[in-house]
Amino acid sequence: MGEILSDAVERLHGSNPRFHWTGIYELFPDNVLRLGPFVGAPTDHVFIAVGQGVCGTAVAEKRNINVPDVSRETNYLACSAATRSELVILIRRGDTIYGQIDIDSNELNAFDPATVAEVERVADWLAGAYARRREPARAGGRPVRP
């Protein structure tokens, strides 16, 4: 799964010049988001509790969050002083949340509806990959594929 996530992050990051930091946080059973592959400057926020910051709030409220101006968010966890807007799209299948795609931009209001829809498509595809990975094995030890 690691290679799939890394490839998705690199391709997504390279798809839009307004994406200045792109990463995936995976949700673990202890209700902590753990940073996986990312492109951009290193961040101190490698662990984020559900409910904390924009990323944790997205999971707690089970919704995607588009923040046009992070300076107006009281719960924003700053990864970079240059960041002006943030997009968090959950990687989920039904009620199961596997993680999220987190994108920061140094531009205000960087994520228009078309951009959000594109990131949602990537998140949906990744959710399918997570779901397939967790399917029970059928006879012969191979995972069941749709």
N, C-alpha and C. Protein backbone atom coordinates (compact mmCIF):
# COMPACT_ATOMS: atom_id res chain seq x y z
N MET A 1 0.82 -1.19 0.00
CA MET A 1 0.00 0.00 0.00
C MET A 1 0.87 1.26 0.00
N GLY A 2 2.04 1.16 0.62
CA GLY A 2 2.92 2.32 0.71
C GLY A 2 3.31 2.90 -0.64
N GLU A 3 3.59 2.02 -1.60
CA GLU A 3 3.97 2.49 -2.93
C GLU A 3 2.80 3.18 -3.63
N ILE A 4 1.61 2.64 -3.44
CA ILE A 4 0.41 3.24 -4.04
C ILE A 4 0.20 4.65 -3.47
N LEU A 5 0.32 4.77 -2.14
CA LEU A 5 0.14 6.08 -1.50
C LEU A 5 1.19 7.08 -1.96
N SER A 6 2.43 6.65 -2.01
CA SER A 6 3.51 7.53 -2.45
C SER A 6 3.30 8.02 -3.88
N ASP A 7 2.92 7.10 -4.75
CA ASP A 7 2.68 7.45 -6.14
C ASP A 7 1.52 8.44 -6.25
N ALA A 8 0.45 8.18 -5.50
CA ALA A 8 -0.71 9.08 -5.54
C ALA A 8 -0.34 10.47 -5.06
N VAL A 9 0.43 10.57 -3.99
CA VAL A 9 0.83 11.88 -3.47
C VAL A 9 1.69 12.63 -4.48
N GLU A 10 2.65 11.95 -5.06
CA GLU A 10 3.54 12.61 -6.03
C GLU A 10 2.77 13.09 -7.25
N ARG A 11 1.90 12.25 -7.78
CA ARG A 11 1.13 12.64 -8.96
C ARG A 11 0.16 13.78 -8.65
N LEU A 12 -0.50 13.68 -7.51
CA LEU A 12 -1.44 14.73 -7.12
C LEU A 12 -0.72 16.06 -6.91
N HIS A 13 0.38 16.02 -6.20
CA HIS A 13 1.16 17.24 -5.95
C HIS A 13 1.62 17.89 -7.25
N GLY A 14 2.07 17.08 -8.17
CA GLY A 14 2.55 17.60 -9.45
C GLY A 14 1.45 18.07 -10.39
N SER A 15 0.19 17.77 -10.05
CA SER A 15 -0.91 18.10 -10.95
C SER A 15 -1.38 19.54 -10.85
N ASN A 16 -0.94 20.27 -9.83
CA ASN A 16 -1.46 21.62 -9.62
C ASN A 16 -0.38 22.51 -9.00
N PRO A 17 -0.03 23.60 -9.67
CA PRO A 17 1.03 24.47 -9.15
C PRO A 17 0.65 25.19 -7.85
N ARG A 18 -0.63 25.17 -7.48
CA ARG A 18 -1.06 25.79 -6.22
C ARG A 18 -0.89 24.85 -5.03
N PHE A 19 -0.51 23.60 -5.26
CA PHE A 19 -0.28 22.64 -4.18
C PHE A 19 1.17 22.79 -3.71
N HIS A 20 1.35 23.31 -2.51
CA HIS A 20 2.70 23.54 -2.00
C HIS A 20 3.13 22.47 -0.99
N TRP A 21 2.18 21.76 -0.43
CA TRP A 21 2.45 20.63 0.45
C TRP A 21 1.30 19.65 0.28
N THR A 22 1.63 18.39 -0.02
CA THR A 22 0.62 17.36 -0.25
C THR A 22 1.03 16.12 0.52
N GLY A 23 0.12 15.60 1.33
CA GLY A 23 0.44 14.41 2.09
C GLY A 23 -0.78 13.59 2.42
N ILE A 24 -0.51 12.38 2.90
CA ILE A 24 -1.57 11.49 3.34
C ILE A 24 -1.34 11.17 4.81
N TYR A 25 -2.40 11.35 5.58
CA TYR A 25 -2.42 10.91 6.97
C TYR A 25 -3.30 9.67 7.02
N GLU A 26 -2.78 8.60 7.61
CA GLU A 26 -3.57 7.39 7.78
C GLU A 26 -4.17 7.38 9.19
N LEU A 27 -5.42 6.92 9.29
CA LEU A 27 -6.10 6.85 10.58
C LEU A 27 -5.86 5.48 11.20
N PHE A 28 -5.39 5.48 12.44
CA PHE A 28 -5.11 4.25 13.16
C PHE A 28 -6.18 4.00 14.21
N PRO A 29 -6.32 2.76 14.69
CA PRO A 29 -7.38 2.42 15.64
C PRO A 29 -7.35 3.23 16.95
N ASP A 30 -6.22 3.82 17.28
CA ASP A 30 -6.14 4.62 18.50
C ASP A 30 -6.64 6.06 18.30
N ASN A 31 -7.33 6.30 17.15
CA ASN A 31 -7.86 7.62 16.80
C ASN A 31 -6.78 8.68 16.66
N VAL A 32 -5.66 8.26 16.09
CA VAL A 32 -4.57 9.18 15.78
C VAL A 32 -4.28 9.07 14.29
N LEU A 33 -4.16 10.23 13.66
CA LEU A 33 -3.73 10.30 12.27
C LEU A 33 -2.21 10.30 12.26
N ARG A 34 -1.62 9.43 11.43
CA ARG A 34 -0.17 9.36 11.33
C ARG A 34 0.25 9.72 9.91
N LEU A 35 1.21 10.61 9.81
CA LEU A 35 1.67 11.07 8.51
C LEU A 35 2.32 9.95 7.74
N GLY A 36 1.88 9.80 6.51
CA GLY A 36 2.48 8.84 5.58
C GLY A 36 3.32 9.62 4.57
N PRO A 37 3.26 9.22 3.31
CA PRO A 37 4.05 9.91 2.30
C PRO A 37 3.57 11.35 2.10
N PHE A 38 4.52 12.23 1.83
CA PHE A 38 4.19 13.63 1.56
C PHE A 38 5.23 14.24 0.64
N VAL A 39 4.85 15.34 -0.01
CA VAL A 39 5.75 16.13 -0.84
C VAL A 39 5.68 17.55 -0.30
N GLY A 40 6.82 18.12 0.00
CA GLY A 40 6.89 19.47 0.55
C GLY A 40 7.83 19.49 1.73
N ALA A 41 7.85 20.62 2.41
CA ALA A 41 8.73 20.78 3.56
C ALA A 41 8.33 19.85 4.69
N PRO A 42 9.30 19.37 5.46
CA PRO A 42 8.98 18.53 6.61
C PRO A 42 8.06 19.28 7.59
N THR A 43 7.27 18.52 8.33
CA THR A 43 6.34 19.10 9.31
C THR A 43 6.53 18.45 10.67
N ASP A 44 6.26 19.21 11.71
CA ASP A 44 6.28 18.66 13.06
C ASP A 44 5.03 17.85 13.35
N HIS A 45 4.00 18.02 12.53
CA HIS A 45 2.71 17.38 12.77
C HIS A 45 2.65 16.00 12.11
N VAL A 46 3.38 15.06 12.70
CA VAL A 46 3.39 13.70 12.17
C VAL A 46 2.33 12.84 12.83
N PHE A 47 1.82 13.26 13.99
CA PHE A 47 0.72 12.60 14.69
C PHE A 47 -0.32 13.68 15.01
N ILE A 48 -1.57 13.43 14.64
CA ILE A 48 -2.65 14.38 14.92
C ILE A 48 -3.82 13.60 15.50
N ALA A 49 -4.25 13.98 16.68
CA ALA A 49 -5.39 13.31 17.32
C ALA A 49 -6.69 13.70 16.61
N VAL A 50 -7.62 12.75 16.54
CA VAL A 50 -8.94 13.04 15.99
C VAL A 50 -9.54 14.18 16.82
N GLY A 51 -10.04 15.20 16.12
CA GLY A 51 -10.62 16.37 16.76
C GLY A 51 -9.66 17.54 16.86
N GLN A 52 -8.37 17.30 16.61
CA GLN A 52 -7.37 18.36 16.73
C GLN A 52 -7.06 18.94 15.35
N GLY A 53 -7.05 20.26 15.25
CA GLY A 53 -6.71 20.92 14.00
C GLY A 53 -7.74 20.63 12.91
N VAL A 54 -7.47 21.12 11.72
CA VAL A 54 -8.38 20.91 10.59
C VAL A 54 -8.41 19.42 10.22
N CYS A 55 -7.25 18.77 10.21
CA CYS A 55 -7.19 17.35 9.85
C CYS A 55 -7.99 16.49 10.82
N GLY A 56 -7.77 16.70 12.10
CA GLY A 56 -8.49 15.92 13.11
C GLY A 56 -9.97 16.22 13.14
N THR A 57 -10.33 17.48 12.87
CA THR A 57 -11.74 17.87 12.82
C THR A 57 -12.46 17.19 11.66
N ALA A 58 -11.80 17.09 10.52
CA ALA A 58 -12.40 16.43 9.36
C ALA A 58 -12.81 15.00 9.71
N VAL A 59 -11.95 14.28 10.43
CA VAL A 59 -12.28 12.91 10.82
C VAL A 59 -13.39 12.91 11.87
N ALA A 60 -13.27 13.76 12.88
CA ALA A 60 -14.27 13.80 13.96
C ALA A 60 -15.66 14.11 13.42
N GLU A 61 -15.72 15.00 12.43
CA GLU A 61 -17.01 15.39 11.87
C GLU A 61 -17.38 14.60 10.61
N LYS A 62 -16.49 13.68 10.22
CA LYS A 62 -16.71 12.80 9.06
C LYS A 62 -17.06 13.59 7.80
N ARG A 63 -16.26 14.64 7.55
CA ARG A 63 -16.52 15.48 6.37
C ARG A 63 -15.22 16.06 5.83
N ASN A 64 -15.24 16.35 4.53
CA ASN A 64 -14.13 17.04 3.90
C ASN A 64 -14.17 18.51 4.31
N ILE A 65 -13.00 19.13 4.37
CA ILE A 65 -12.93 20.54 4.78
C ILE A 65 -12.04 21.31 3.81
N ASN A 66 -12.59 22.40 3.28
CA ASN A 66 -11.86 23.32 2.41
C ASN A 66 -11.77 24.64 3.17
N VAL A 67 -10.55 25.02 3.55
CA VAL A 67 -10.33 26.25 4.31
C VAL A 67 -9.70 27.28 3.38
N PRO A 68 -10.48 28.27 2.92
CA PRO A 68 -9.96 29.26 1.98
C PRO A 68 -8.91 30.19 2.59
N ASP A 69 -8.99 30.41 3.92
CA ASP A 69 -8.05 31.31 4.60
C ASP A 69 -7.78 30.76 5.99
N VAL A 70 -6.61 30.12 6.17
CA VAL A 70 -6.30 29.46 7.45
C VAL A 70 -6.17 30.46 8.60
N SER A 71 -5.93 31.73 8.31
CA SER A 71 -5.80 32.72 9.38
C SER A 71 -7.13 32.94 10.11
N ARG A 72 -8.21 32.50 9.50
CA ARG A 72 -9.54 32.66 10.11
C ARG A 72 -9.98 31.42 10.90
N GLU A 73 -9.14 30.38 10.93
CA GLU A 73 -9.46 29.15 11.64
C GLU A 73 -8.84 29.16 13.03
N THR A 74 -9.66 28.98 14.04
CA THR A 74 -9.14 28.98 15.41
C THR A 74 -8.39 27.70 15.75
N ASN A 75 -8.70 26.60 15.06
CA ASN A 75 -8.06 25.32 15.38
C ASN A 75 -7.01 24.90 14.36
N TYR A 76 -6.50 25.84 13.59
CA TYR A 76 -5.52 25.51 12.55
C TYR A 76 -4.17 25.19 13.17
N LEU A 77 -3.56 24.07 12.75
CA LEU A 77 -2.21 23.69 13.17
C LEU A 77 -1.26 24.10 12.05
N ALA A 78 -0.49 25.13 12.27
CA ALA A 78 0.39 25.66 11.22
C ALA A 78 1.56 24.74 10.96
N CYS A 79 1.67 24.30 9.73
CA CYS A 79 2.83 23.52 9.30
C CYS A 79 3.89 24.45 8.72
N SER A 80 3.44 25.56 8.15
CA SER A 80 4.33 26.53 7.53
C SER A 80 3.70 27.91 7.66
N ALA A 81 4.52 28.90 7.94
CA ALA A 81 4.03 30.29 8.04
C ALA A 81 3.53 30.79 6.69
N ALA A 82 3.95 30.14 5.60
CA ALA A 82 3.56 30.57 4.26
C ALA A 82 2.19 30.06 3.85
N THR A 83 1.66 29.04 4.54
CA THR A 83 0.38 28.44 4.15
C THR A 83 -0.76 29.43 4.33
N ARG A 84 -1.59 29.53 3.30
CA ARG A 84 -2.74 30.44 3.32
C ARG A 84 -4.08 29.70 3.24
N SER A 85 -4.10 28.50 2.60
CA SER A 85 -5.33 27.73 2.52
C SER A 85 -5.01 26.24 2.63
N GLU A 86 -6.03 25.47 3.02
CA GLU A 86 -5.83 24.04 3.25
C GLU A 86 -7.06 23.28 2.77
N LEU A 87 -6.81 22.09 2.24
CA LEU A 87 -7.87 21.19 1.79
C LEU A 87 -7.63 19.82 2.42
N VAL A 88 -8.67 19.30 3.07
CA VAL A 88 -8.59 17.96 3.66
C VAL A 88 -9.74 17.14 3.09
N ILE A 89 -9.38 16.06 2.40
CA ILE A 89 -10.36 15.16 1.79
C ILE A 89 -10.19 13.78 2.41
N LEU A 90 -11.27 13.27 2.98
CA LEU A 90 -11.22 11.96 3.63
C LEU A 90 -11.10 10.84 2.60
N ILE A 91 -10.32 9.85 2.96
CA ILE A 91 -10.23 8.60 2.20
C ILE A 91 -11.14 7.63 2.94
N ARG A 92 -12.33 7.39 2.38
CA ARG A 92 -13.31 6.59 3.10
C ARG A 92 -14.17 5.78 2.15
N ARG A 93 -14.71 4.72 2.72
CA ARG A 93 -15.66 3.88 2.00
C ARG A 93 -16.82 3.66 2.97
N GLY A 94 -17.96 4.26 2.67
CA GLY A 94 -19.10 4.19 3.59
C GLY A 94 -18.75 4.93 4.88
N ASP A 95 -18.92 4.24 6.01
CA ASP A 95 -18.60 4.82 7.31
C ASP A 95 -17.16 4.59 7.73
N THR A 96 -16.41 3.84 6.94
CA THR A 96 -15.03 3.53 7.29
C THR A 96 -14.09 4.59 6.74
N ILE A 97 -13.37 5.25 7.63
CA ILE A 97 -12.37 6.26 7.24
C ILE A 97 -11.00 5.62 7.37
N TYR A 98 -10.26 5.59 6.27
CA TYR A 98 -8.92 5.01 6.25
C TYR A 98 -7.84 6.07 6.49
N GLY A 99 -8.14 7.29 6.12
CA GLY A 99 -7.16 8.36 6.24
C GLY A 99 -7.67 9.59 5.53
N GLN A 100 -6.73 10.42 5.09
CA GLN A 100 -7.10 11.65 4.41
C GLN A 100 -5.95 12.17 3.56
N ILE A 101 -6.34 12.93 2.55
CA ILE A 101 -5.38 13.68 1.76
C ILE A 101 -5.40 15.10 2.30
N ASP A 102 -4.24 15.62 2.63
CA ASP A 102 -4.11 16.97 3.17
C ASP A 102 -3.25 17.77 2.19
N ILE A 103 -3.78 18.91 1.76
CA ILE A 103 -3.04 19.76 0.82
C ILE A 103 -3.01 21.19 1.36
N ASP A 104 -1.83 21.78 1.40
CA ASP A 104 -1.66 23.18 1.80
C ASP A 104 -1.25 23.99 0.58
N SER A 105 -1.71 25.22 0.55
CA SER A 105 -1.33 26.15 -0.52
C SER A 105 -0.88 27.46 0.08
N ASN A 106 0.08 28.09 -0.56
CA ASN A 106 0.55 29.41 -0.15
C ASN A 106 -0.31 30.52 -0.72
N GLU A 107 -1.40 30.14 -1.40
CA GLU A 107 -2.33 31.10 -1.98
C GLU A 107 -3.66 31.04 -1.22
N LEU A 108 -4.29 32.17 -1.06
CA LEU A 108 -5.63 32.21 -0.48
C LEU A 108 -6.63 31.56 -1.44
N ASN A 109 -7.62 30.88 -0.88
CA ASN A 109 -8.71 30.31 -1.67
C ASN A 109 -8.21 29.52 -2.88
N ALA A 110 -7.27 28.64 -2.64
CA ALA A 110 -6.60 27.93 -3.73
C ALA A 110 -7.39 26.75 -4.30
N PHE A 111 -8.45 26.33 -3.61
CA PHE A 111 -9.12 25.09 -3.98
C PHE A 111 -10.53 25.34 -4.48
N ASP A 112 -10.66 25.49 -5.80
CA ASP A 112 -11.96 25.71 -6.42
C ASP A 112 -12.71 24.38 -6.52
N PRO A 113 -14.01 24.40 -6.86
CA PRO A 113 -14.78 23.16 -6.92
C PRO A 113 -14.19 22.08 -7.83
N ALA A 114 -13.62 22.46 -8.94
CA ALA A 114 -13.02 21.47 -9.85
C ALA A 114 -11.81 20.80 -9.20
N THR A 115 -11.02 21.58 -8.48
CA THR A 115 -9.85 21.03 -7.79
C THR A 115 -10.29 20.08 -6.69
N VAL A 116 -11.29 20.49 -5.93
CA VAL A 116 -11.82 19.64 -4.86
C VAL A 116 -12.33 18.32 -5.45
N ALA A 117 -13.06 18.39 -6.53
CA ALA A 117 -13.60 17.19 -7.18
C ALA A 117 -12.47 16.26 -7.63
N GLU A 118 -11.40 16.81 -8.16
CA GLU A 118 -10.27 15.99 -8.60
C GLU A 118 -9.62 15.27 -7.42
N VAL A 119 -9.42 15.96 -6.32
CA VAL A 119 -8.82 15.33 -5.13
C VAL A 119 -9.78 14.28 -4.56
N GLU A 120 -11.08 14.55 -4.60
CA GLU A 120 -12.06 13.57 -4.15
C GLU A 120 -12.00 12.30 -4.98
N ARG A 121 -11.79 12.42 -6.27
CA ARG A 121 -11.65 11.23 -7.14
C ARG A 121 -10.44 10.39 -6.72
N VAL A 122 -9.34 11.05 -6.42
CA VAL A 122 -8.14 10.32 -5.98
C VAL A 122 -8.43 9.63 -4.64
N ALA A 123 -9.08 10.34 -3.72
CA ALA A 123 -9.41 9.77 -2.42
C ALA A 123 -10.34 8.56 -2.56
N ASP A 124 -11.31 8.64 -3.45
CA ASP A 124 -12.22 7.51 -3.69
C ASP A 124 -11.46 6.30 -4.23
N TRP A 125 -10.53 6.55 -5.15
CA TRP A 125 -9.73 5.47 -5.70
C TRP A 125 -8.87 4.82 -4.61
N LEU A 126 -8.26 5.66 -3.76
CA LEU A 126 -7.45 5.13 -2.67
C LEU A 126 -8.30 4.34 -1.67
N ALA A 127 -9.52 4.81 -1.41
CA ALA A 127 -10.42 4.09 -0.51
C ALA A 127 -10.70 2.69 -1.04
N GLY A 128 -10.86 2.59 -2.36
CA GLY A 128 -11.05 1.27 -2.97
C GLY A 128 -9.85 0.37 -2.76
N ALA A 129 -8.66 0.94 -2.87
CA ALA A 129 -7.44 0.16 -2.65
C ALA A 129 -7.35 -0.31 -1.19
N TYR A 130 -7.68 0.56 -0.25
CA TYR A 130 -7.70 0.16 1.17
C TYR A 130 -8.72 -0.95 1.40
N ALA A 131 -9.93 -0.79 0.84
CA ALA A 131 -10.99 -1.77 1.04
C ALA A 131 -10.58 -3.14 0.47
N ARG A 132 -9.97 -3.15 -0.70
CA ARG A 132 -9.53 -4.41 -1.30
C ARG A 132 -8.45 -5.07 -0.45
N ARG A 133 -7.58 -4.27 0.14
CA ARG A 133 -6.50 -4.80 0.96
C ARG A 133 -7.06 -5.49 2.21
N ARG A 134 -8.21 -5.03 2.68
CA ARG A 134 -8.77 -5.56 3.92
C ARG A 134 -9.82 -6.64 3.69
N GLU A 135 -10.07 -7.02 2.43
CA GLU A 135 -11.06 -8.06 2.14
C GLU A 135 -10.57 -9.40 2.66
N PRO A 136 -11.48 -10.24 3.12
CA PRO A 136 -11.07 -11.57 3.58
C PRO A 136 -10.58 -12.41 2.41
N ALA A 137 -9.66 -13.29 2.70
CA ALA A 137 -9.12 -14.17 1.65
C ALA A 137 -10.13 -15.24 1.30
N ARG A 138 -10.18 -15.59 0.03
CA ARG A 138 -11.04 -16.71 -0.39
C ARG A 138 -10.19 -17.97 -0.44
N ALA A 139 -10.78 -19.08 -0.80
CA ALA A 139 -10.05 -20.34 -0.89
C ALA A 139 -8.85 -20.16 -1.81
N GLY A 140 -7.73 -20.71 -1.42
CA GLY A 140 -6.51 -20.58 -2.21
C GLY A 140 -5.66 -19.42 -1.73
N GLY A 141 -6.14 -18.67 -0.74
CA GLY A 141 -5.31 -17.63 -0.14
C GLY A 141 -5.25 -16.33 -0.92
N ARG A 142 -6.02 -16.20 -1.98
CA ARG A 142 -5.99 -14.96 -2.75
C ARG A 142 -7.10 -14.03 -2.28
N PRO A 143 -6.84 -12.73 -2.26
CA PRO A 143 -7.91 -11.81 -1.86
C PRO A 143 -9.04 -11.81 -2.88
N VAL A 144 -10.23 -11.56 -2.39
CA VAL A 144 -11.40 -11.47 -3.26
C VAL A 144 -11.35 -10.13 -3.97
N ARG A 145 -11.48 -10.13 -5.27
CA ARG A 145 -11.48 -8.90 -6.06
C ARG A 145 -12.84 -8.72 -6.71
N PRO A 146 -13.32 -7.49 -6.79
CA PRO A 146 -14.62 -7.27 -7.46
C PRO A 146 -14.54 -7.59 -8.93
